[in-house]
Amino acid sequence: MIIIILVLHTGCIEVITPPPTGAGTSYFEAYYRNPNGVTLSFEVANKYYILFFNDSSICKNFVLDEDKQNITCNDSGVYQIVVNAVGSGENNHEYVLVIFINGVGNQISATRRKMSAGGDIVTMNSHLLVNLSSSDKITVRIKDLGKTGDGVYYKSNINIVKVGDN
């Protein structure tokens, strides 16, 4: 890493470090938005269901597959993944949102939310710093913890940004 030290004419010292190699060279954003919501049926307790997106608006070195569920990485590196999802569910049900890489849930990214009242609209957030390889597939999944029933999916957003080389 190169560190540049400048002594300014004011006598102050300023340290400048350039961003890590590869940072910002790959990025992705996808979203889902439906003001009326769409029903998600949790027919099997503890089964993760894949959330889907409408479109990807900003994309470099990633592909949102035709099914609008799988995001394929085309550039190996270290990435920050940030997810935001909005929905409602049944009274006293707990929901778990997780980022999956190649079909494996990363439990570091798991976030839980218990519905205090049926019909409440809540936000769930998840984030992760992870090594991705070219051709890795990312999905966002949610489950009803220990119960079955219906939920309503209103909105989601995923941002993936390369922060360095691995």
N, C-alpha and C. Protein backbone atom coordinates (compact mmCIF):
# COMPACT_ATOMS: atom_id res chain seq x y z
N MET A 1 0.84 -1.16 0.00
CA MET A 1 0.00 0.00 0.00
C MET A 1 0.89 1.23 0.00
N ILE A 2 0.53 2.19 -0.82
CA ILE A 2 1.26 3.44 -0.90
C ILE A 2 0.60 4.45 0.03
N ILE A 3 1.40 5.09 0.86
CA ILE A 3 0.88 6.14 1.73
C ILE A 3 1.58 7.43 1.34
N ILE A 4 0.80 8.44 1.10
CA ILE A 4 1.35 9.74 0.71
C ILE A 4 1.17 10.69 1.88
N ILE A 5 2.25 11.31 2.31
CA ILE A 5 2.19 12.28 3.40
C ILE A 5 2.51 13.65 2.82
N LEU A 6 1.60 14.56 3.02
CA LEU A 6 1.78 15.92 2.53
C LEU A 6 1.93 16.87 3.72
N VAL A 7 2.90 17.75 3.65
CA VAL A 7 3.01 18.81 4.64
C VAL A 7 2.49 20.06 3.96
N LEU A 8 1.34 20.51 4.39
CA LEU A 8 0.70 21.65 3.77
C LEU A 8 1.35 22.95 4.24
N HIS A 9 1.17 24.00 3.47
CA HIS A 9 1.78 25.28 3.81
C HIS A 9 1.26 25.84 5.14
N THR A 10 0.18 25.26 5.64
CA THR A 10 -0.36 25.70 6.94
C THR A 10 0.33 25.00 8.09
N GLY A 11 1.22 24.06 7.79
CA GLY A 11 1.91 23.32 8.82
C GLY A 11 1.20 22.04 9.21
N CYS A 12 0.02 21.79 8.65
CA CYS A 12 -0.73 20.57 8.95
C CYS A 12 -0.19 19.42 8.11
N ILE A 13 -0.27 18.24 8.68
CA ILE A 13 0.13 17.05 7.94
C ILE A 13 -1.14 16.32 7.51
N GLU A 14 -1.20 15.97 6.23
CA GLU A 14 -2.34 15.24 5.70
C GLU A 14 -1.85 13.91 5.15
N VAL A 15 -2.49 12.83 5.59
CA VAL A 15 -2.12 11.50 5.12
C VAL A 15 -3.18 11.05 4.13
N ILE A 16 -2.74 10.66 2.94
CA ILE A 16 -3.66 10.22 1.90
C ILE A 16 -3.33 8.77 1.57
N THR A 17 -4.31 7.92 1.70
CA THR A 17 -4.14 6.53 1.29
C THR A 17 -5.12 6.24 0.17
N PRO A 18 -4.64 5.76 -0.95
CA PRO A 18 -5.56 5.44 -2.05
C PRO A 18 -6.45 4.26 -1.69
N PRO A 19 -7.60 4.13 -2.35
CA PRO A 19 -8.49 3.00 -2.07
C PRO A 19 -7.80 1.68 -2.42
N PRO A 20 -8.24 0.58 -1.81
CA PRO A 20 -7.64 -0.72 -2.12
C PRO A 20 -7.76 -1.04 -3.61
N THR A 21 -6.81 -1.80 -4.10
CA THR A 21 -6.85 -2.23 -5.49
C THR A 21 -8.15 -2.95 -5.76
N GLY A 22 -8.80 -2.59 -6.84
CA GLY A 22 -10.04 -3.24 -7.22
C GLY A 22 -11.29 -2.62 -6.63
N ALA A 23 -11.14 -1.77 -5.64
CA ALA A 23 -12.32 -1.19 -4.99
C ALA A 23 -13.12 -0.37 -5.99
N GLY A 24 -14.41 -0.58 -5.98
CA GLY A 24 -15.31 0.19 -6.83
C GLY A 24 -15.33 -0.23 -8.30
N THR A 25 -14.58 -1.28 -8.66
CA THR A 25 -14.55 -1.69 -10.06
C THR A 25 -15.73 -2.59 -10.43
N SER A 26 -16.43 -3.11 -9.42
CA SER A 26 -17.60 -3.94 -9.66
C SER A 26 -18.67 -3.55 -8.66
N TYR A 27 -19.91 -3.46 -9.13
CA TYR A 27 -21.00 -3.07 -8.25
C TYR A 27 -22.32 -3.53 -8.86
N PHE A 28 -23.35 -3.56 -8.01
CA PHE A 28 -24.64 -4.06 -8.45
C PHE A 28 -25.73 -3.52 -7.53
N GLU A 29 -26.87 -3.21 -8.11
CA GLU A 29 -28.05 -2.87 -7.32
C GLU A 29 -29.27 -3.47 -8.01
N ALA A 30 -30.13 -4.09 -7.22
CA ALA A 30 -31.41 -4.58 -7.73
C ALA A 30 -32.47 -4.21 -6.71
N TYR A 31 -33.71 -4.15 -7.18
CA TYR A 31 -34.79 -3.75 -6.29
C TYR A 31 -36.07 -4.48 -6.64
N TYR A 32 -36.97 -4.53 -5.67
CA TYR A 32 -38.34 -4.98 -5.88
C TYR A 32 -39.22 -3.93 -5.23
N ARG A 33 -40.29 -3.54 -5.90
CA ARG A 33 -41.21 -2.57 -5.33
C ARG A 33 -42.61 -2.88 -5.82
N ASN A 34 -43.52 -3.03 -4.86
CA ASN A 34 -44.93 -3.24 -5.16
C ASN A 34 -45.72 -2.61 -4.01
N PRO A 35 -46.25 -1.40 -4.20
CA PRO A 35 -46.97 -0.72 -3.11
C PRO A 35 -48.13 -1.51 -2.53
N ASN A 36 -48.71 -2.40 -3.32
CA ASN A 36 -49.82 -3.22 -2.85
C ASN A 36 -49.36 -4.52 -2.19
N GLY A 37 -48.10 -4.86 -2.39
CA GLY A 37 -47.55 -6.08 -1.83
C GLY A 37 -47.96 -7.31 -2.61
N VAL A 38 -47.21 -8.37 -2.41
CA VAL A 38 -47.52 -9.68 -3.00
C VAL A 38 -47.42 -10.70 -1.88
N THR A 39 -48.33 -11.66 -1.88
CA THR A 39 -48.36 -12.68 -0.82
C THR A 39 -47.22 -13.67 -1.00
N LEU A 40 -46.50 -13.91 0.08
CA LEU A 40 -45.51 -14.98 0.14
C LEU A 40 -46.09 -16.05 1.05
N SER A 41 -46.26 -17.25 0.53
CA SER A 41 -46.81 -18.35 1.33
C SER A 41 -45.67 -19.19 1.89
N PHE A 42 -45.58 -19.22 3.21
CA PHE A 42 -44.60 -20.05 3.89
C PHE A 42 -45.28 -21.37 4.21
N GLU A 43 -45.27 -22.26 3.23
CA GLU A 43 -46.02 -23.52 3.33
C GLU A 43 -45.32 -24.56 4.19
N VAL A 44 -43.99 -24.43 4.30
CA VAL A 44 -43.19 -25.37 5.09
C VAL A 44 -42.44 -24.57 6.15
N ALA A 45 -42.63 -24.94 7.41
CA ALA A 45 -41.94 -24.24 8.50
C ALA A 45 -40.43 -24.41 8.35
N ASN A 46 -39.69 -23.35 8.61
CA ASN A 46 -38.23 -23.33 8.60
C ASN A 46 -37.60 -23.52 7.22
N LYS A 47 -38.39 -23.43 6.16
CA LYS A 47 -37.84 -23.51 4.81
C LYS A 47 -37.59 -22.09 4.32
N TYR A 48 -36.39 -21.85 3.76
CA TYR A 48 -36.08 -20.54 3.19
C TYR A 48 -36.70 -20.41 1.81
N TYR A 49 -37.34 -19.27 1.57
CA TYR A 49 -37.93 -18.95 0.28
C TYR A 49 -37.15 -17.78 -0.32
N ILE A 50 -36.83 -17.88 -1.61
CA ILE A 50 -36.02 -16.88 -2.29
C ILE A 50 -36.86 -15.65 -2.61
N LEU A 51 -36.34 -14.48 -2.22
CA LEU A 51 -36.98 -13.23 -2.61
C LEU A 51 -36.58 -12.90 -4.05
N PHE A 52 -37.44 -12.22 -4.75
CA PHE A 52 -37.20 -11.89 -6.16
C PHE A 52 -37.16 -10.37 -6.30
N PHE A 53 -36.62 -9.93 -7.42
CA PHE A 53 -36.45 -8.50 -7.70
C PHE A 53 -37.17 -8.15 -9.00
N ASN A 54 -37.53 -6.86 -9.17
CA ASN A 54 -38.11 -6.40 -10.42
C ASN A 54 -37.03 -6.21 -11.48
N ASP A 55 -35.95 -5.58 -11.07
CA ASP A 55 -34.96 -5.13 -12.04
C ASP A 55 -33.65 -4.82 -11.35
N SER A 56 -32.60 -4.74 -12.16
CA SER A 56 -31.31 -4.24 -11.66
C SER A 56 -31.04 -2.94 -12.40
N SER A 57 -30.84 -1.88 -11.64
CA SER A 57 -30.73 -0.56 -12.25
C SER A 57 -29.28 -0.15 -12.52
N ILE A 58 -28.38 -0.56 -11.66
CA ILE A 58 -26.97 -0.21 -11.80
C ILE A 58 -26.18 -1.50 -11.70
N CYS A 59 -25.34 -1.76 -12.70
CA CYS A 59 -24.71 -3.07 -12.73
C CYS A 59 -23.38 -3.02 -13.48
N LYS A 60 -22.33 -3.54 -12.85
CA LYS A 60 -21.06 -3.73 -13.52
C LYS A 60 -20.43 -5.01 -12.97
N ASN A 61 -20.26 -5.99 -13.82
CA ASN A 61 -19.66 -7.29 -13.51
C ASN A 61 -20.58 -8.21 -12.70
N PHE A 62 -21.89 -7.97 -12.74
CA PHE A 62 -22.89 -8.84 -12.15
C PHE A 62 -24.03 -9.00 -13.14
N VAL A 63 -24.80 -10.09 -12.98
CA VAL A 63 -25.97 -10.32 -13.83
C VAL A 63 -27.12 -10.77 -12.95
N LEU A 64 -28.28 -10.12 -13.11
CA LEU A 64 -29.51 -10.61 -12.49
C LEU A 64 -30.10 -11.61 -13.47
N ASP A 65 -30.12 -12.87 -13.07
CA ASP A 65 -30.58 -13.93 -13.96
C ASP A 65 -32.04 -13.72 -14.36
N GLU A 66 -32.45 -14.41 -15.42
CA GLU A 66 -33.80 -14.26 -15.96
C GLU A 66 -34.90 -14.52 -14.94
N ASP A 67 -34.62 -15.37 -13.95
CA ASP A 67 -35.63 -15.67 -12.93
C ASP A 67 -35.81 -14.54 -11.93
N LYS A 68 -34.97 -13.50 -12.03
CA LYS A 68 -35.01 -12.32 -11.15
C LYS A 68 -34.75 -12.67 -9.69
N GLN A 69 -34.14 -13.85 -9.44
CA GLN A 69 -33.85 -14.30 -8.08
C GLN A 69 -32.36 -14.45 -7.83
N ASN A 70 -31.63 -14.91 -8.82
CA ASN A 70 -30.20 -15.19 -8.68
C ASN A 70 -29.36 -14.07 -9.27
N ILE A 71 -28.36 -13.66 -8.53
CA ILE A 71 -27.42 -12.64 -8.98
C ILE A 71 -26.08 -13.35 -9.16
N THR A 72 -25.51 -13.26 -10.35
CA THR A 72 -24.25 -13.93 -10.64
C THR A 72 -23.11 -12.93 -10.66
N CYS A 73 -22.06 -13.23 -9.90
CA CYS A 73 -20.85 -12.40 -9.84
C CYS A 73 -19.93 -12.79 -10.99
N ASN A 74 -19.37 -11.81 -11.68
CA ASN A 74 -18.44 -12.08 -12.78
C ASN A 74 -17.05 -11.54 -12.52
N ASP A 75 -16.73 -11.19 -11.27
CA ASP A 75 -15.43 -10.62 -10.93
C ASP A 75 -15.09 -10.99 -9.49
N SER A 76 -14.08 -11.81 -9.30
CA SER A 76 -13.68 -12.23 -7.96
C SER A 76 -13.20 -11.04 -7.14
N GLY A 77 -13.46 -11.09 -5.83
CA GLY A 77 -12.99 -10.04 -4.95
C GLY A 77 -13.68 -10.08 -3.60
N VAL A 78 -13.38 -9.07 -2.79
CA VAL A 78 -14.03 -8.89 -1.51
C VAL A 78 -15.16 -7.89 -1.71
N TYR A 79 -16.36 -8.26 -1.26
CA TYR A 79 -17.54 -7.45 -1.51
C TYR A 79 -18.29 -7.14 -0.22
N GLN A 80 -18.92 -5.98 -0.21
CA GLN A 80 -19.87 -5.65 0.83
C GLN A 80 -21.26 -5.79 0.21
N ILE A 81 -22.12 -6.57 0.88
CA ILE A 81 -23.49 -6.79 0.43
C ILE A 81 -24.42 -6.20 1.48
N VAL A 82 -25.35 -5.37 1.04
CA VAL A 82 -26.32 -4.74 1.93
C VAL A 82 -27.72 -5.00 1.38
N VAL A 83 -28.60 -5.51 2.24
CA VAL A 83 -29.96 -5.85 1.84
C VAL A 83 -30.96 -5.16 2.76
N ASN A 84 -32.04 -4.70 2.16
CA ASN A 84 -33.14 -4.08 2.89
C ASN A 84 -34.41 -4.69 2.32
N ALA A 85 -35.30 -5.20 3.18
CA ALA A 85 -36.56 -5.78 2.72
C ALA A 85 -37.69 -5.31 3.62
N VAL A 86 -38.85 -5.07 3.02
CA VAL A 86 -40.01 -4.58 3.75
C VAL A 86 -41.17 -5.53 3.53
N GLY A 87 -41.84 -5.90 4.62
CA GLY A 87 -42.98 -6.80 4.50
C GLY A 87 -43.81 -6.83 5.77
N SER A 88 -44.81 -7.66 5.75
CA SER A 88 -45.64 -7.87 6.94
C SER A 88 -45.90 -9.37 7.06
N GLY A 89 -46.33 -9.77 8.25
CA GLY A 89 -46.56 -11.19 8.47
C GLY A 89 -47.62 -11.41 9.52
N GLU A 90 -47.65 -12.62 10.05
CA GLU A 90 -48.69 -13.01 10.99
C GLU A 90 -48.26 -12.73 12.43
N ASN A 91 -49.25 -12.50 13.27
CA ASN A 91 -49.05 -12.20 14.67
C ASN A 91 -48.18 -13.26 15.37
N ASN A 92 -47.16 -12.81 16.08
CA ASN A 92 -46.24 -13.65 16.86
C ASN A 92 -45.40 -14.62 16.03
N HIS A 93 -45.35 -14.44 14.73
CA HIS A 93 -44.44 -15.24 13.90
C HIS A 93 -43.10 -14.53 13.84
N GLU A 94 -42.01 -15.33 13.82
CA GLU A 94 -40.67 -14.78 13.67
C GLU A 94 -40.18 -15.10 12.26
N TYR A 95 -39.58 -14.10 11.63
CA TYR A 95 -39.06 -14.26 10.27
C TYR A 95 -37.55 -14.05 10.30
N VAL A 96 -36.85 -14.81 9.46
CA VAL A 96 -35.39 -14.74 9.39
C VAL A 96 -35.00 -14.45 7.94
N LEU A 97 -34.21 -13.40 7.74
CA LEU A 97 -33.71 -13.00 6.42
C LEU A 97 -32.22 -13.30 6.37
N VAL A 98 -31.76 -13.97 5.31
CA VAL A 98 -30.37 -14.39 5.19
C VAL A 98 -29.87 -14.20 3.76
N ILE A 99 -28.61 -13.81 3.61
CA ILE A 99 -27.94 -13.76 2.31
C ILE A 99 -27.32 -15.14 2.06
N PHE A 100 -27.62 -15.70 0.90
CA PHE A 100 -27.08 -17.01 0.51
C PHE A 100 -26.05 -16.82 -0.60
N ILE A 101 -24.96 -17.58 -0.52
CA ILE A 101 -23.95 -17.64 -1.58
C ILE A 101 -23.90 -19.09 -2.05
N ASN A 102 -24.16 -19.31 -3.34
CA ASN A 102 -24.15 -20.65 -3.93
C ASN A 102 -25.03 -21.63 -3.15
N GLY A 103 -26.20 -21.17 -2.72
CA GLY A 103 -27.15 -22.04 -2.05
C GLY A 103 -26.88 -22.28 -0.57
N VAL A 104 -25.85 -21.63 -0.02
CA VAL A 104 -25.52 -21.81 1.40
C VAL A 104 -25.78 -20.50 2.13
N GLY A 105 -26.59 -20.57 3.17
CA GLY A 105 -26.91 -19.39 3.96
C GLY A 105 -25.73 -18.96 4.80
N ASN A 106 -25.44 -17.67 4.77
CA ASN A 106 -24.37 -17.12 5.60
C ASN A 106 -25.01 -16.59 6.87
N GLN A 107 -24.89 -17.35 7.96
CA GLN A 107 -25.59 -17.03 9.19
C GLN A 107 -25.10 -15.74 9.84
N ILE A 108 -23.92 -15.25 9.45
CA ILE A 108 -23.46 -13.95 9.93
C ILE A 108 -24.43 -12.86 9.46
N SER A 109 -25.04 -13.07 8.31
CA SER A 109 -25.94 -12.07 7.74
C SER A 109 -27.38 -12.21 8.23
N ALA A 110 -27.66 -13.24 9.02
CA ALA A 110 -29.04 -13.51 9.44
C ALA A 110 -29.59 -12.39 10.33
N THR A 111 -30.81 -11.99 10.03
CA THR A 111 -31.51 -11.02 10.86
C THR A 111 -32.91 -11.56 11.15
N ARG A 112 -33.36 -11.41 12.41
CA ARG A 112 -34.66 -11.94 12.83
C ARG A 112 -35.59 -10.81 13.20
N ARG A 113 -36.87 -11.05 12.93
CA ARG A 113 -37.88 -10.05 13.29
C ARG A 113 -39.15 -10.78 13.71
N LYS A 114 -39.61 -10.49 14.93
CA LYS A 114 -40.86 -11.08 15.42
C LYS A 114 -41.98 -10.07 15.23
N MET A 115 -43.08 -10.53 14.67
CA MET A 115 -44.23 -9.67 14.46
C MET A 115 -45.00 -9.53 15.76
N SER A 116 -45.09 -8.31 16.24
CA SER A 116 -45.84 -8.08 17.48
C SER A 116 -47.34 -8.07 17.22
N ALA A 117 -47.70 -7.72 16.03
CA ALA A 117 -49.12 -7.74 15.65
C ALA A 117 -49.21 -8.07 14.17
N GLY A 118 -50.16 -8.91 13.83
CA GLY A 118 -50.35 -9.25 12.42
C GLY A 118 -50.66 -8.00 11.61
N GLY A 119 -50.07 -7.90 10.44
CA GLY A 119 -50.33 -6.76 9.58
C GLY A 119 -49.34 -5.61 9.73
N ASP A 120 -48.53 -5.63 10.81
CA ASP A 120 -47.50 -4.58 10.93
C ASP A 120 -46.56 -4.67 9.73
N ILE A 121 -46.20 -3.53 9.19
CA ILE A 121 -45.23 -3.49 8.09
C ILE A 121 -43.88 -3.13 8.70
N VAL A 122 -42.89 -4.01 8.48
CA VAL A 122 -41.58 -3.85 9.11
C VAL A 122 -40.47 -3.93 8.07
N THR A 123 -39.32 -3.41 8.46
CA THR A 123 -38.13 -3.47 7.63
C THR A 123 -37.13 -4.44 8.25
N MET A 124 -36.50 -5.24 7.40
CA MET A 124 -35.42 -6.13 7.84
C MET A 124 -34.19 -5.76 7.03
N ASN A 125 -33.05 -5.68 7.70
CA ASN A 125 -31.80 -5.31 7.05
C ASN A 125 -30.76 -6.38 7.29
N SER A 126 -29.88 -6.56 6.31
CA SER A 126 -28.79 -7.51 6.45
C SER A 126 -27.58 -6.96 5.72
N HIS A 127 -26.41 -7.27 6.23
CA HIS A 127 -25.19 -6.86 5.53
C HIS A 127 -24.10 -7.89 5.79
N LEU A 128 -23.13 -7.90 4.88
CA LEU A 128 -22.12 -8.94 4.91
C LEU A 128 -20.89 -8.46 4.15
N LEU A 129 -19.72 -8.79 4.66
CA LEU A 129 -18.46 -8.61 3.95
C LEU A 129 -17.98 -10.01 3.60
N VAL A 130 -17.78 -10.29 2.30
CA VAL A 130 -17.55 -11.67 1.88
C VAL A 130 -16.64 -11.73 0.66
N ASN A 131 -15.87 -12.82 0.56
CA ASN A 131 -15.09 -13.11 -0.64
C ASN A 131 -16.02 -13.77 -1.65
N LEU A 132 -16.07 -13.24 -2.86
CA LEU A 132 -16.84 -13.85 -3.94
C LEU A 132 -15.90 -14.24 -5.07
N SER A 133 -16.20 -15.35 -5.70
CA SER A 133 -15.46 -15.80 -6.87
C SER A 133 -16.33 -15.58 -8.09
N SER A 134 -15.69 -15.50 -9.24
CA SER A 134 -16.44 -15.37 -10.48
C SER A 134 -17.35 -16.58 -10.62
N SER A 135 -18.58 -16.37 -10.98
CA SER A 135 -19.66 -17.36 -11.16
C SER A 135 -20.41 -17.68 -9.86
N ASP A 136 -20.02 -17.09 -8.73
CA ASP A 136 -20.80 -17.27 -7.50
C ASP A 136 -22.20 -16.68 -7.70
N LYS A 137 -23.18 -17.34 -7.08
CA LYS A 137 -24.57 -16.88 -7.16
C LYS A 137 -25.03 -16.43 -5.78
N ILE A 138 -25.63 -15.23 -5.77
CA ILE A 138 -26.13 -14.63 -4.54
C ILE A 138 -27.66 -14.63 -4.60
N THR A 139 -28.30 -15.03 -3.50
CA THR A 139 -29.74 -14.91 -3.36
C THR A 139 -30.04 -14.35 -1.97
N VAL A 140 -31.22 -13.77 -1.84
CA VAL A 140 -31.71 -13.30 -0.55
C VAL A 140 -32.92 -14.17 -0.22
N ARG A 141 -32.92 -14.75 0.97
CA ARG A 141 -33.99 -15.68 1.33
C ARG A 141 -34.58 -15.34 2.69
N ILE A 142 -35.82 -15.77 2.88
CA ILE A 142 -36.53 -15.52 4.13
C ILE A 142 -37.30 -16.77 4.52
N LYS A 143 -37.43 -16.99 5.84
CA LYS A 143 -38.23 -18.11 6.33
C LYS A 143 -39.08 -17.67 7.50
N ASP A 144 -40.16 -18.42 7.72
CA ASP A 144 -41.01 -18.27 8.89
C ASP A 144 -40.45 -19.27 9.89
N LEU A 145 -39.93 -18.79 11.01
CA LEU A 145 -39.23 -19.63 11.97
C LEU A 145 -40.20 -20.51 12.75
N GLY A 146 -40.25 -21.79 12.39
CA GLY A 146 -41.03 -22.76 13.13
C GLY A 146 -42.52 -22.78 12.87
N LYS A 147 -42.99 -21.94 11.95
CA LYS A 147 -44.43 -21.89 11.69
C LYS A 147 -44.69 -21.81 10.19
N THR A 148 -45.94 -21.88 9.82
CA THR A 148 -46.35 -21.70 8.43
C THR A 148 -47.38 -20.58 8.38
N GLY A 149 -47.62 -20.06 7.20
CA GLY A 149 -48.61 -18.99 7.04
C GLY A 149 -48.22 -18.09 5.89
N ASP A 150 -48.87 -16.96 5.81
CA ASP A 150 -48.62 -16.02 4.72
C ASP A 150 -47.99 -14.74 5.23
N GLY A 151 -47.18 -14.15 4.39
CA GLY A 151 -46.63 -12.83 4.63
C GLY A 151 -46.87 -11.99 3.38
N VAL A 152 -46.60 -10.71 3.48
CA VAL A 152 -46.74 -9.82 2.33
C VAL A 152 -45.40 -9.14 2.09
N TYR A 153 -44.94 -9.20 0.84
CA TYR A 153 -43.65 -8.66 0.41
C TYR A 153 -43.92 -7.37 -0.36
N TYR A 154 -43.39 -6.23 0.16
CA TYR A 154 -43.63 -4.93 -0.46
C TYR A 154 -42.42 -4.37 -1.22
N LYS A 155 -41.25 -4.54 -0.66
CA LYS A 155 -40.09 -3.85 -1.23
C LYS A 155 -38.81 -4.54 -0.78
N SER A 156 -37.81 -4.46 -1.63
CA SER A 156 -36.46 -4.86 -1.22
C SER A 156 -35.45 -4.14 -2.10
N ASN A 157 -34.23 -4.14 -1.62
CA ASN A 157 -33.13 -3.51 -2.34
C ASN A 157 -31.87 -4.25 -1.94
N ILE A 158 -31.01 -4.53 -2.90
CA ILE A 158 -29.72 -5.14 -2.60
C ILE A 158 -28.64 -4.33 -3.30
N ASN A 159 -27.58 -4.04 -2.55
CA ASN A 159 -26.42 -3.36 -3.10
C ASN A 159 -25.20 -4.23 -2.85
N ILE A 160 -24.39 -4.41 -3.90
CA ILE A 160 -23.16 -5.20 -3.79
C ILE A 160 -22.04 -4.34 -4.36
N VAL A 161 -21.00 -4.10 -3.55
CA VAL A 161 -19.90 -3.24 -3.97
C VAL A 161 -18.57 -3.92 -3.67
N LYS A 162 -17.70 -3.95 -4.67
CA LYS A 162 -16.37 -4.50 -4.46
C LYS A 162 -15.55 -3.54 -3.62
N VAL A 163 -14.95 -4.06 -2.56
CA VAL A 163 -14.13 -3.23 -1.68
C VAL A 163 -12.65 -3.60 -1.74
N GLY A 164 -12.31 -4.67 -2.47
CA GLY A 164 -10.91 -5.05 -2.59
C GLY A 164 -10.75 -6.36 -3.32
N ASP A 165 -9.52 -6.73 -3.56
CA ASP A 165 -9.21 -8.01 -4.18
C ASP A 165 -9.01 -9.06 -3.10
N ASN A 166 -9.30 -10.34 -3.44
CA ASN A 166 -9.07 -11.39 -2.45
C ASN A 166 -7.84 -12.18 -2.80
